[in-house]
C-alpha atoms as a PDB file:
ATOM      1  CA  MET A   1      -0.008   0.031  -0.015  1.00  0.00           C
ATOM      2  CA  LYS A   2       2.798   2.479   0.927  1.00  0.00           C
ATOM      3  CA  LEU A   3       4.500   1.730  -2.426  1.00  0.00           C
ATOM      4  CA  ALA A   4       1.300   2.518  -4.356  1.00  0.00           C
ATOM      5  CA  LEU A   5       0.834   5.745  -2.380  1.00  0.00           C
ATOM      6  CA  ALA A   6       4.414   6.737  -3.016  1.00  0.00           C
ATOM      7  CA  ARG A   7       4.026   6.100  -6.766  1.00  0.00           C
ATOM      8  CA  THR A   8       0.894   8.321  -6.734  1.00  0.00           C
ATOM      9  CA  VAL A   9       2.479  11.264  -5.040  1.00  0.00           C
ATOM     10  CA  LEU A  10       5.660  11.044  -7.083  1.00  0.00           C
ATOM     11  CA  ALA A  11       3.620  11.021 -10.266  1.00  0.00           C
ATOM     12  CA  LEU A  12       1.762  14.138  -9.047  1.00  0.00           C
ATOM     13  CA  ALA A  13       5.010  15.844  -8.210  1.00  0.00           C
ATOM     14  CA  ALA A  14       6.297  14.967 -11.688  1.00  0.00           C
ATOM     15  CA  ALA A  15       3.410  16.853 -13.195  1.00  0.00           C
ATOM     16  CA  SER A  16       4.245  20.059 -11.261  1.00  0.00           C
ATOM     17  CA  PRO A  17       6.694  22.794 -12.387  1.00  0.00           C
ATOM     18  CA  LEU A  18       9.210  21.488  -9.840  1.00  0.00           C
ATOM     19  CA  GLY A  19       8.686  17.864 -11.055  1.00  0.00           C
ATOM     20  CA  ALA A  20      10.552  15.401 -13.161  1.00  0.00           C
ATOM     21  CA  PRO A  21      12.427  16.182 -16.386  1.00  0.00           C
ATOM     22  CA  VAL A  22      10.126  16.629 -19.441  1.00  0.00           C
ATOM     23  CA  ALA A  23      10.497  17.427 -23.080  1.00  0.00           C
ATOM     24  CA  ALA A  24      11.024  20.941 -24.134  1.00  0.00           C
ATOM     25  CA  GLN A  25       9.555  21.723 -27.581  1.00  0.00           C
ATOM     26  CA  VAL A  26      10.738  24.483 -29.919  1.00  0.00           C
ATOM     27  CA  ASP A  27       8.487  25.659 -32.802  1.00  0.00           C
ATOM     28  CA  CYS A  28      10.855  27.285 -35.248  1.00  0.00           C
ATOM     29  CA  LEU A  29      10.262  25.338 -38.440  1.00  0.00           C
ATOM     30  CA  PRO A  30       7.493  25.215 -41.056  1.00  0.00           C
ATOM     31  CA  GLN A  31       4.020  24.605 -39.670  1.00  0.00           C
ATOM     32  CA  GLY A  32       3.636  21.067 -38.399  1.00  0.00           C
ATOM     33  CA  VAL A  33       7.358  20.566 -37.972  1.00  0.00           C
ATOM     34  CA  THR A  34       8.857  20.781 -34.425  1.00  0.00           C
ATOM     35  CA  VAL A  35      12.080  20.148 -32.609  1.00  0.00           C
ATOM     36  CA  THR A  36      12.002  18.609 -29.143  1.00  0.00           C
ATOM     37  CA  VAL A  37      14.764  18.288 -26.581  1.00  0.00           C
ATOM     38  CA  SER A  38      14.200  15.586 -23.923  1.00  0.00           C
ATOM     39  CA  PRO A  39      14.580  15.318 -21.045  1.00  0.00           C
ATOM     40  CA  ASP A  40      14.757  18.975 -19.976  1.00  0.00           C
ATOM     41  CA  PRO A  41      16.112  19.451 -17.346  1.00  0.00           C
ATOM     42  CA  ALA A  42      18.491  16.466 -17.817  1.00  0.00           C
ATOM     43  CA  PRO A  43      20.408  14.923 -14.929  1.00  0.00           C
ATOM     44  CA  GLN A  44      24.135  15.046 -15.422  1.00  0.00           C
ATOM     45  CA  GLY A  45      25.276  12.143 -17.592  1.00  0.00           C
ATOM     46  CA  ALA A  46      21.827  11.269 -18.977  1.00  0.00           C
ATOM     47  CA  LEU A  47      21.429  10.932 -22.735  1.00  0.00           C
ATOM     48  CA  VAL A  48      19.694  14.007 -24.265  1.00  0.00           C
ATOM     49  CA  GLU A  49      17.547  13.358 -27.357  1.00  0.00           C
ATOM     50  CA  VAL A  50      16.992  16.131 -29.946  1.00  0.00           C
ATOM     51  CA  THR A  51      14.152  15.037 -32.191  1.00  0.00           C
ATOM     52  CA  ILE A  52      12.474  16.532 -35.236  1.00  0.00           C
ATOM     53  CA  ASP A  53       8.880  15.523 -35.817  1.00  0.00           C
ATOM     54  CA  ASN A  54       7.097  16.131 -39.154  1.00  0.00           C
ATOM     55  CA  GLN A  55       3.329  16.265 -38.482  1.00  0.00           C
ATOM     56  CA  SER A  56       2.792  18.345 -41.674  1.00  0.00           C
ATOM     57  CA  ASP A  57       1.481  16.954 -44.959  1.00  0.00           C
ATOM     58  CA  GLN A  58       4.791  17.729 -46.797  1.00  0.00           C
ATOM     59  CA  LEU A  59       8.054  15.885 -47.048  1.00  0.00           C
ATOM     60  CA  PHE A  60      10.813  17.482 -44.933  1.00  0.00           C
ATOM     61  CA  VAL A  61      14.468  16.870 -45.794  1.00  0.00           C
ATOM     62  CA  LEU A  62      17.441  17.283 -43.482  1.00  0.00           C
ATOM     63  CA  PRO A  63      20.638  18.359 -45.299  1.00  0.00           C
ATOM     64  CA  SER A  64      22.756  15.779 -43.367  1.00  0.00           C
ATOM     65  CA  SER A  65      22.406  13.041 -40.811  1.00  0.00           C
ATOM     66  CA  CYS A  66      22.768  15.559 -37.971  1.00  0.00           C
ATOM     67  CA  LEU A  67      19.912  17.637 -36.758  1.00  0.00           C
ATOM     68  CA  TYR A  68      22.323  20.006 -34.974  1.00  0.00           C
ATOM     69  CA  ALA A  69      25.741  21.192 -36.249  1.00  0.00           C
ATOM     70  CA  SER A  70      27.165  21.893 -32.790  1.00  0.00           C
ATOM     71  CA  VAL A  71      26.539  22.066 -29.082  1.00  0.00           C
ATOM     72  CA  ARG A  72      27.372  25.374 -27.365  1.00  0.00           C
ATOM     73  CA  GLU A  73      27.249  26.956 -23.941  1.00  0.00           C
ATOM     74  CA  GLU A  74      24.227  29.033 -23.055  1.00  0.00           C
ATOM     75  CA  ASP A  75      23.045  29.815 -26.562  1.00  0.00           C
ATOM     76  CA  CYS A  76      24.048  29.375 -30.266  1.00  0.00           C
ATOM     77  CA  ASP A  77      26.602  32.207 -29.935  1.00  0.00           C
ATOM     78  CA  GLY A  78      28.269  30.629 -26.858  1.00  0.00           C
ATOM     79  CA  ALA A  79      31.542  28.698 -26.580  1.00  0.00           C
ATOM     80  CA  LEU A  80      31.819  25.543 -28.638  1.00  0.00           C
ATOM     81  CA  VAL A  81      31.288  22.380 -26.611  1.00  0.00           C
ATOM     82  CA  GLN A  82      31.012  19.619 -29.169  1.00  0.00           C
ATOM     83  CA  VAL A  83      30.717  19.062 -32.962  1.00  0.00           C
ATOM     84  CA  PRO A  84      28.864  15.810 -33.839  1.00  0.00           C
ATOM     85  CA  LEU A  85      30.158  13.457 -36.494  1.00  0.00           C
ATOM     86  CA  CYS A  86      27.695  13.851 -39.440  1.00  0.00           C
ATOM     87  CA  LEU A  87      27.194  12.091 -42.716  1.00  0.00           C
ATOM     88  CA  ALA A  88      26.832  14.256 -45.830  1.00  0.00           C
ATOM     89  CA  VAL A  89      23.596  12.585 -46.957  1.00  0.00           C
ATOM     90  CA  LEU A  90      20.073  13.892 -47.298  1.00  0.00           C
ATOM     91  CA  VAL A  91      17.721  12.528 -44.726  1.00  0.00           C
ATOM     92  CA  PRO A  92      13.992  12.590 -45.844  1.00  0.00           C
ATOM     93  CA  ILE A  93      11.384  12.794 -43.068  1.00  0.00           C
ATOM     94  CA  PRO A  94       8.004  11.957 -44.505  1.00  0.00           C
ATOM     95  CA  PRO A  95       4.625  13.153 -43.034  1.00  0.00           C
ATOM     96  CA  GLY A  96       4.314  11.511 -39.628  1.00  0.00           C
ATOM     97  CA  GLY A  97       7.994  10.721 -39.468  1.00  0.00           C
ATOM     98  CA  SER A  98      10.745  11.794 -37.058  1.00  0.00           C
ATOM     99  CA  HIS A  99      14.569  11.849 -36.772  1.00  0.00           C
ATOM    100  CA  THR A 100      16.517  11.808 -33.526  1.00  0.00           C
ATOM    101  CA  ASN A 101      20.109  12.654 -32.598  1.00  0.00           C
ATOM    102  CA  VAL A 102      21.476  11.828 -29.128  1.00  0.00           C
ATOM    103  CA  TRP A 103      23.946  13.883 -27.128  1.00  0.00           C
ATOM    104  CA  ALA A 104      25.820  12.006 -24.351  1.00  0.00           C
ATOM    105  CA  GLN A 105      26.646  15.233 -22.536  1.00  0.00           C
ATOM    106  CA  THR A 106      30.261  15.114 -23.578  1.00  0.00           C
ATOM    107  CA  ASP A 107      32.544  17.805 -24.906  1.00  0.00           C
ATOM    108  CA  THR A 108      34.970  17.724 -27.856  1.00  0.00           C
ATOM    109  CA  THR A 109      37.510  15.732 -25.655  1.00  0.00           C
ATOM    110  CA  GLY A 110      34.944  13.203 -24.658  1.00  0.00           C
ATOM    111  CA  ASN A 111      34.592  14.445 -21.021  1.00  0.00           C
ATOM    112  CA  LEU A 112      31.252  14.854 -19.301  1.00  0.00           C
ATOM    113  CA  VAL A 113      30.133  18.404 -19.245  1.00  0.00           C
ATOM    114  CA  ALA A 114      29.382  20.378 -16.052  1.00  0.00           C
ATOM    115  CA  PRO A 115      25.850  21.330 -15.025  1.00  0.00           C
ATOM    116  CA  GLY A 116      24.605  24.352 -16.898  1.00  0.00           C
ATOM    117  CA  VAL A 117      22.603  25.444 -20.041  1.00  0.00           C
ATOM    118  CA  TYR A 118      23.649  24.056 -23.405  1.00  0.00           C
ATOM    119  CA  ALA A 119      22.326  25.007 -26.844  1.00  0.00           C
ATOM    120  CA  PHE A 120      21.890  22.975 -30.025  1.00  0.00           C
ATOM    121  CA  ASP A 121      22.826  24.992 -33.153  1.00  0.00           C
ATOM    122  CA  LEU A 122      20.406  23.386 -35.640  1.00  0.00           C
ATOM    123  CA  ALA A 123      21.927  22.396 -39.017  1.00  0.00           C
ATOM    124  CA  LEU A 124      18.924  24.062 -40.684  1.00  0.00           C
ATOM    125  CA  PRO A 125      18.253  27.470 -42.178  1.00  0.00           C
ATOM    126  CA  VAL A 126      16.188  28.647 -39.177  1.00  0.00           C
ATOM    127  CA  ASP A 127      16.742  31.289 -36.528  1.00  0.00           C
ATOM    128  CA  CYS A 128      16.048  29.405 -33.263  1.00  0.00           C
ATOM    129  CA  CYS A 129      18.230  27.591 -30.808  1.00  0.00           C
ATOM    130  CA  PRO A 130      16.757  24.857 -28.556  1.00  0.00           C
ATOM    131  CA  THR A 131      18.515  24.391 -25.203  1.00  0.00           C
ATOM    132  CA  VAL A 132      18.750  21.915 -22.398  1.00  0.00           C
ATOM    133  CA  THR A 133      19.512  22.474 -18.724  1.00  0.00           C
ATOM    134  CA  VAL A 134      21.989  19.935 -17.312  1.00  0.00           C
ATOM    135  CA  THR A 135      21.527  19.460 -13.540  1.00  0.00           C
ATOM    136  CA  GLY A 136      23.561  17.538 -10.988  1.00  0.00           C
ATOM    137  CA  GLY A 137      22.813  13.840 -11.149  1.00  0.00           C
ATOM    138  CA  CYS A 138      21.998  13.817  -7.409  1.00  0.00           C
ATOM    139  CA  ALA A 139      21.455  16.733  -5.126  1.00  0.00           C
ATOM    140  CA  GLY A 140      22.913  14.740  -2.179  1.00  0.00           C
ATOM    141  CA  PRO A 141      21.254  13.662   1.082  1.00  0.00           C
ATOM    142  CA  PRO A 142      17.958  15.203   2.298  1.00  0.00           C
ATOM    143  CA  GLN A 143      18.331  18.658   3.851  1.00  0.00           C
ATOM    144  CA  PRO A 144      16.351  20.395   6.503  1.00  0.00           C
ATOM    145  CA  TYR A 145      14.783  23.855   5.942  1.00  0.00           C
ATOM    146  CA  GLY A 146      12.588  26.138   8.060  1.00  0.00           C
ATOM    147  CA  ASP A 147      11.894  25.676  11.731  1.00  0.00           C
ATOM    148  CA  GLY A 148       9.777  23.393  13.824  1.00  0.00           C
ATOM    149  CA  GLY A 149       6.983  24.498  16.171  1.00  0.00           C
ATOM    150  CA  ALA A 150       7.021  23.396  19.844  1.00  0.00           C
ATOM    151  CA  GLY A 151       4.254  21.549  21.690  1.00  0.00           C
ATOM    152  CA  THR A 152       3.926  19.778  25.043  1.00  0.00           C
ATOM    153  CA  GLY A 153       6.867  20.369  27.321  1.00  0.00           C
ATOM    154  CA  GLY A 154       8.419  22.825  24.846  1.00  0.00           C
ATOM    155  CA  PHE A 155       9.551  20.031  22.543  1.00  0.00           C
ATOM    156  CA  ALA A 156       9.528  20.699  18.819  1.00  0.00           C
ATOM    157  CA  PRO A 157       9.314  17.412  16.892  1.00  0.00           C
ATOM    158  CA  ILE A 158      12.075  16.746  14.308  1.00  0.00           C
ATOM    159  CA  LEU A 159      11.750  15.035  10.890  1.00  0.00           C
ATOM    160  CA  ASP A 160      14.635  12.846   9.805  1.00  0.00           C
ATOM    161  CA  ALA A 161      15.348  10.886   6.632  1.00  0.00           C
ATOM    162  CA  GLU A 162      16.300   7.172   6.966  1.00  0.00           C
ATOM    163  CA  GLY A 163      17.227   4.350   4.668  1.00  0.00           C
ATOM    164  CA  GLY A 164      20.030   5.986   2.668  1.00  0.00           C
ATOM    165  CA  LEU A 165      19.881   8.407  -0.257  1.00  0.00           C
ATOM    166  CA  PRO A 166      16.618   9.042  -2.149  1.00  0.00           C
ATOM    167  CA  LEU A 167      17.701   6.844  -5.072  1.00  0.00           C
ATOM    168  CA  ILE A 168      15.337   5.270  -7.569  1.00  0.00           C
ATOM    169  CA  GLY A 169      14.782   1.626  -6.539  1.00  0.00           C
ATOM    170  CA  ASN A 170      15.580   2.371  -2.854  1.00  0.00           C
ATOM    171  CA  ALA A 171      12.697   0.485  -1.128  1.00  0.00           C
ATOM    172  CA  ALA A 172      14.243   1.229   2.314  1.00  0.00           C
ATOM    173  CA  PHE A 173      13.941   5.051   2.041  1.00  0.00           C
ATOM    174  CA  GLY A 174      11.656   6.697   4.576  1.00  0.00           C
ATOM    175  CA  GLU A 175      11.291   9.528   7.074  1.00  0.00           C
ATOM    176  CA  ARG A 176      11.002   9.351  10.878  1.00  0.00           C
ATOM    177  CA  ILE A 177       9.172  11.710  13.139  1.00  0.00           C
ATOM    178  CA  LEU A 178      11.024  12.201  16.427  1.00  0.00           C
ATOM    179  CA  PHE A 179      10.392  13.962  19.822  1.00  0.00           C
ATOM    180  CA  GLY A 180       6.637  14.454  19.353  1.00  0.00           C
ATOM    181  CA  VAL A 181       4.193  13.923  22.220  1.00  0.00           C
ATOM    182  CA  GLY A 182       3.854  10.226  22.963  1.00  0.00           C
ATOM    183  CA  GLY A 183       0.838   8.400  21.335  1.00  0.00           C
ATOM    184  CA  ALA A 184      -0.261  11.431  19.381  1.00  0.00           C
ATOM    185  CA  PRO A 185      -1.809  11.188  15.873  1.00  0.00           C
ATOM    186  CA  ALA A 186       0.388  12.778  13.222  1.00  0.00           C
ATOM    187  CA  ALA A 187       0.614  13.234   9.477  1.00  0.00           C
ATOM    188  CA  LEU A 188       3.572  13.541   7.094  1.00  0.00           C
ATOM    189  CA  LEU A 189       3.011  16.026   4.240  1.00  0.00           C
ATOM    190  CA  LEU A 190       4.833  15.184   1.087  1.00  0.00           C
ATOM    191  CA  GLY A 191       4.556  17.697  -1.779  1.00  0.00           C
ATOM    192  CA  ALA A 192       6.074  19.115  -4.899  1.00  0.00           C
ATOM    193  CA  GLY A 193       7.274  22.499  -3.516  1.00  0.00           C
ATOM    194  CA  GLU A 194       8.294  24.519  -0.451  1.00  0.00           C
ATOM    195  CA  THR A 195       6.552  27.462   1.169  1.00  0.00           C
ATOM    196  CA  SER A 196       6.441  29.301   4.536  1.00  0.00           C
ATOM    197  CA  LEU A 197       2.879  30.142   5.493  1.00  0.00           C
ATOM    198  CA  GLY A 198       2.126  31.177   9.085  1.00  0.00           C
ATOM    199  CA  PHE A 199      -1.008  30.004  10.939  1.00  0.00           C
ATOM    200  CA  ASP A 200      -2.022  30.191  14.593  1.00  0.00           C
ATOM    201  CA  TRP A 201      -0.663  26.700  15.126  1.00  0.00           C
ATOM    202  CA  GLY A 202       2.730  27.332  13.395  1.00  0.00           C
ATOM    203  CA  THR A 203       4.232  27.443  10.009  1.00  0.00           C
ATOM    204  CA  LEU A 204       3.339  25.257   6.971  1.00  0.00           C
ATOM    205  CA  LEU A 205       6.466  24.421   4.940  1.00  0.00           C
ATOM    206  CA  VAL A 206       4.959  22.295   2.153  1.00  0.00           C
ATOM    207  CA  ASP A 207       3.221  24.321  -0.600  1.00  0.00           C
ATOM    208  CA  PRO A 208      -0.509  23.436  -0.476  1.00  0.00           C
ATOM    209  CA  PHE A 209      -0.981  24.979  -3.971  1.00  0.00           C
ATOM    210  CA  LEU A 210       1.101  22.210  -5.571  1.00  0.00           C
ATOM    211  CA  PRO A 211       0.390  18.446  -5.420  1.00  0.00           C
ATOM    212  CA  VAL A 212       0.568  17.201  -1.828  1.00  0.00           C
ATOM    213  CA  PHE A 213       0.006  13.742  -0.318  1.00  0.00           C
ATOM    214  CA  VAL A 214      -0.696  13.042   3.396  1.00  0.00           C
ATOM    215  CA  PHE A 215       0.647   9.932   5.189  1.00  0.00           C
ATOM    216  CA  PRO A 216      -1.144   9.518   8.540  1.00  0.00           C
ATOM    217  CA  ALA A 217       0.700   7.957  11.466  1.00  0.00           C
ATOM    218  CA  VAL A 218       0.321   7.481  15.266  1.00  0.00           C
ATOM    219  CA  LEU A 219       3.404   8.195  17.284  1.00  0.00           C
ATOM    220  CA  GLY A 220       4.743   5.542  19.626  1.00  0.00           C
ATOM    221  CA  GLY A 221       5.947   6.216  23.222  1.00  0.00           C
ATOM    222  CA  THR A 222       4.162   6.784  26.472  1.00  0.00           C
ATOM    223  CA  PRO A 223       0.842   8.542  25.723  1.00  0.00           C
ATOM    224  CA  GLY A 224       0.972  12.232  26.614  1.00  0.00           C
ATOM    225  CA  GLN A 225       4.666  12.266  27.501  1.00  0.00           C
ATOM    226  CA  SER A 226       6.540  15.147  25.942  1.00  0.00           C
ATOM    227  CA  GLY A 227       9.310  14.247  23.447  1.00  0.00           C
ATOM    228  CA  ALA A 228       8.591  10.488  23.744  1.00  0.00           C
ATOM    229  CA  GLY A 229       6.688  10.044  20.461  1.00  0.00           C
ATOM    230  CA  SER A 230       8.223   8.753  17.177  1.00  0.00           C
ATOM    231  CA  ALA A 231       7.040   6.965  13.967  1.00  0.00           C
ATOM    232  CA  LEU A 232       8.721   5.833  10.782  1.00  0.00           C
ATOM    233  CA  ILE A 233       6.882   6.605   7.545  1.00  0.00           C
ATOM    234  CA  PRO A 234       8.117   4.298   4.764  1.00  0.00           C
ATOM    235  CA  LEU A 235       8.572   6.110   1.389  1.00  0.00           C
ATOM    236  CA  PRO A 236       9.894   3.420  -0.940  1.00  0.00           C
ATOM    237  CA  ILE A 237      11.058   4.959  -4.284  1.00  0.00           C
ATOM    238  CA  PRO A 238      10.096   2.954  -7.477  1.00  0.00           C
ATOM    239  CA  ASN A 239      12.898   1.921  -9.872  1.00  0.00           C
ATOM    240  CA  ASP A 240      11.718   4.392 -12.459  1.00  0.00           C
ATOM    241  CA  PRO A 241      14.354   6.557 -14.264  1.00  0.00           C
ATOM    242  CA  GLY A 242      11.559   9.017 -15.099  1.00  0.00           C
ATOM    243  CA  LEU A 243      11.458   9.955 -11.425  1.00  0.00           C
ATOM    244  CA  VAL A 244      15.196  11.256 -11.448  1.00  0.00           C
ATOM    245  CA  GLY A 245      15.272  14.959 -10.740  1.00  0.00           C
ATOM    246  CA  ILE A 246      11.912  15.280  -8.926  1.00  0.00           C
ATOM    247  CA  GLN A 247      12.155  17.726  -6.058  1.00  0.00           C
ATOM    248  CA  VAL A 248      10.192  16.820  -2.939  1.00  0.00           C
ATOM    249  CA  ALA A 249       9.316  18.833   0.144  1.00  0.00           C
ATOM    250  CA  THR A 250       8.127  17.161   3.400  1.00  0.00           C
ATOM    251  CA  GLN A 251       6.955  18.178   6.824  1.00  0.00           C
ATOM    252  CA  ALA A 252       5.243  16.430   9.744  1.00  0.00           C
ATOM    253  CA  ILE A 253       2.419  17.889  11.822  1.00  0.00           C
ATOM    254  CA  VAL A 254       1.463  16.389  15.272  1.00  0.00           C
ATOM    255  CA  LEU A 255      -1.800  16.726  17.144  1.00  0.00           C
ATOM    256  CA  ASP A 256      -0.648  18.297  20.439  1.00  0.00           C
ATOM    257  CA  ALA A 257      -2.915  19.813  23.103  1.00  0.00           C
ATOM    258  CA  GLY A 258       0.156  21.292  24.755  1.00  0.00           C
ATOM    259  CA  SER A 259       0.690  23.628  21.775  1.00  0.00           C
ATOM    260  CA  SER A 260      -1.072  27.025  21.699  1.00  0.00           C
ATOM    261  CA  GLY A 261      -2.595  26.217  18.402  1.00  0.00           C
ATOM    262  CA  GLY A 262      -3.394  22.625  18.958  1.00  0.00           C
ATOM    263  CA  PHE A 263      -0.551  21.247  16.832  1.00  0.00           C
ATOM    264  CA  SER A 264       3.214  21.007  17.007  1.00  0.00           C
ATOM    265  CA  HIS A 265       5.249  20.512  13.769  1.00  0.00           C
ATOM    266  CA  THR A 266       8.627  19.586  12.437  1.00  0.00           C
ATOM    267  CA  GLN A 267      11.013  21.558  10.292  1.00  0.00           C
ATOM    268  CA  GLY A 268      10.824  20.847   6.605  1.00  0.00           C
ATOM    269  CA  VAL A 269      13.017  18.218   4.828  1.00  0.00           C
ATOM    270  CA  ARG A 270      13.782  18.665   1.057  1.00  0.00           C
ATOM    271  CA  PHE A 271      15.313  16.035  -1.222  1.00  0.00           C
ATOM    272  CA  THR A 272      15.770  15.341  -4.900  1.00  0.00           C
ATOM    273  CA  ILE A 273      15.283  11.874  -6.265  1.00  0.00           C
ATOM    274  CA  CYS A 274      18.557  10.625  -7.699  1.00  0.00           C
ATOM    275  CA  GLN A 275      19.886   8.106 -10.221  1.00  0.00           C
END
């Protein structure tokens, strides 16, 4: 059940502006002909596909086997990064057809490029320059942000990640609520973005205007005892490369009569799903 829930929330996060890499389309050719760069953003080291699609009713012909003549930094006037090996042959693309070139994120020396923006100088008589943003392959371990709100006994609960890095296929990944009031109901919020919204009970750190999923829990420990409550929330990550690059924001809220607003809460924890 937890795995199914995790799949659902991660899919929702992927659909948000802060979600997983998607294709970036550029309309700079005759009507019905488009160039797409995918994925964008692209995790460092991932293969980047540059594809031309012909959805017109006319035959389109590429002047060589390469869709782009060079890869450059920032834009098509930037520093040269790589020149692909092209065959001097005409490549016809019939209506409904497509042609794809792949960039392995390497420079002229074969070394992997650093994170940044890279442009594809199309080998076509058009004035447009599709780009891709290369991100770090993994943002590292989960990081805290914001502040917690205290409850019974002056204890502010803490949220901590467990089970290693948030890697695809890591079934052991999860988050633990610590130092809440013993036996209290709680909820882990997992969403697609961060915020800082003040309420009478504390500060909400997961953006409610982006996709959010709620994982209910009951803290262990002696009921009513301050700082004694804890609970592990399993968040297994599916082995799906399409999830790489998804940014996730989490926070736990605890029902706590010892808090002025009726709830205590943890700080936020952010992480990026990695390869």
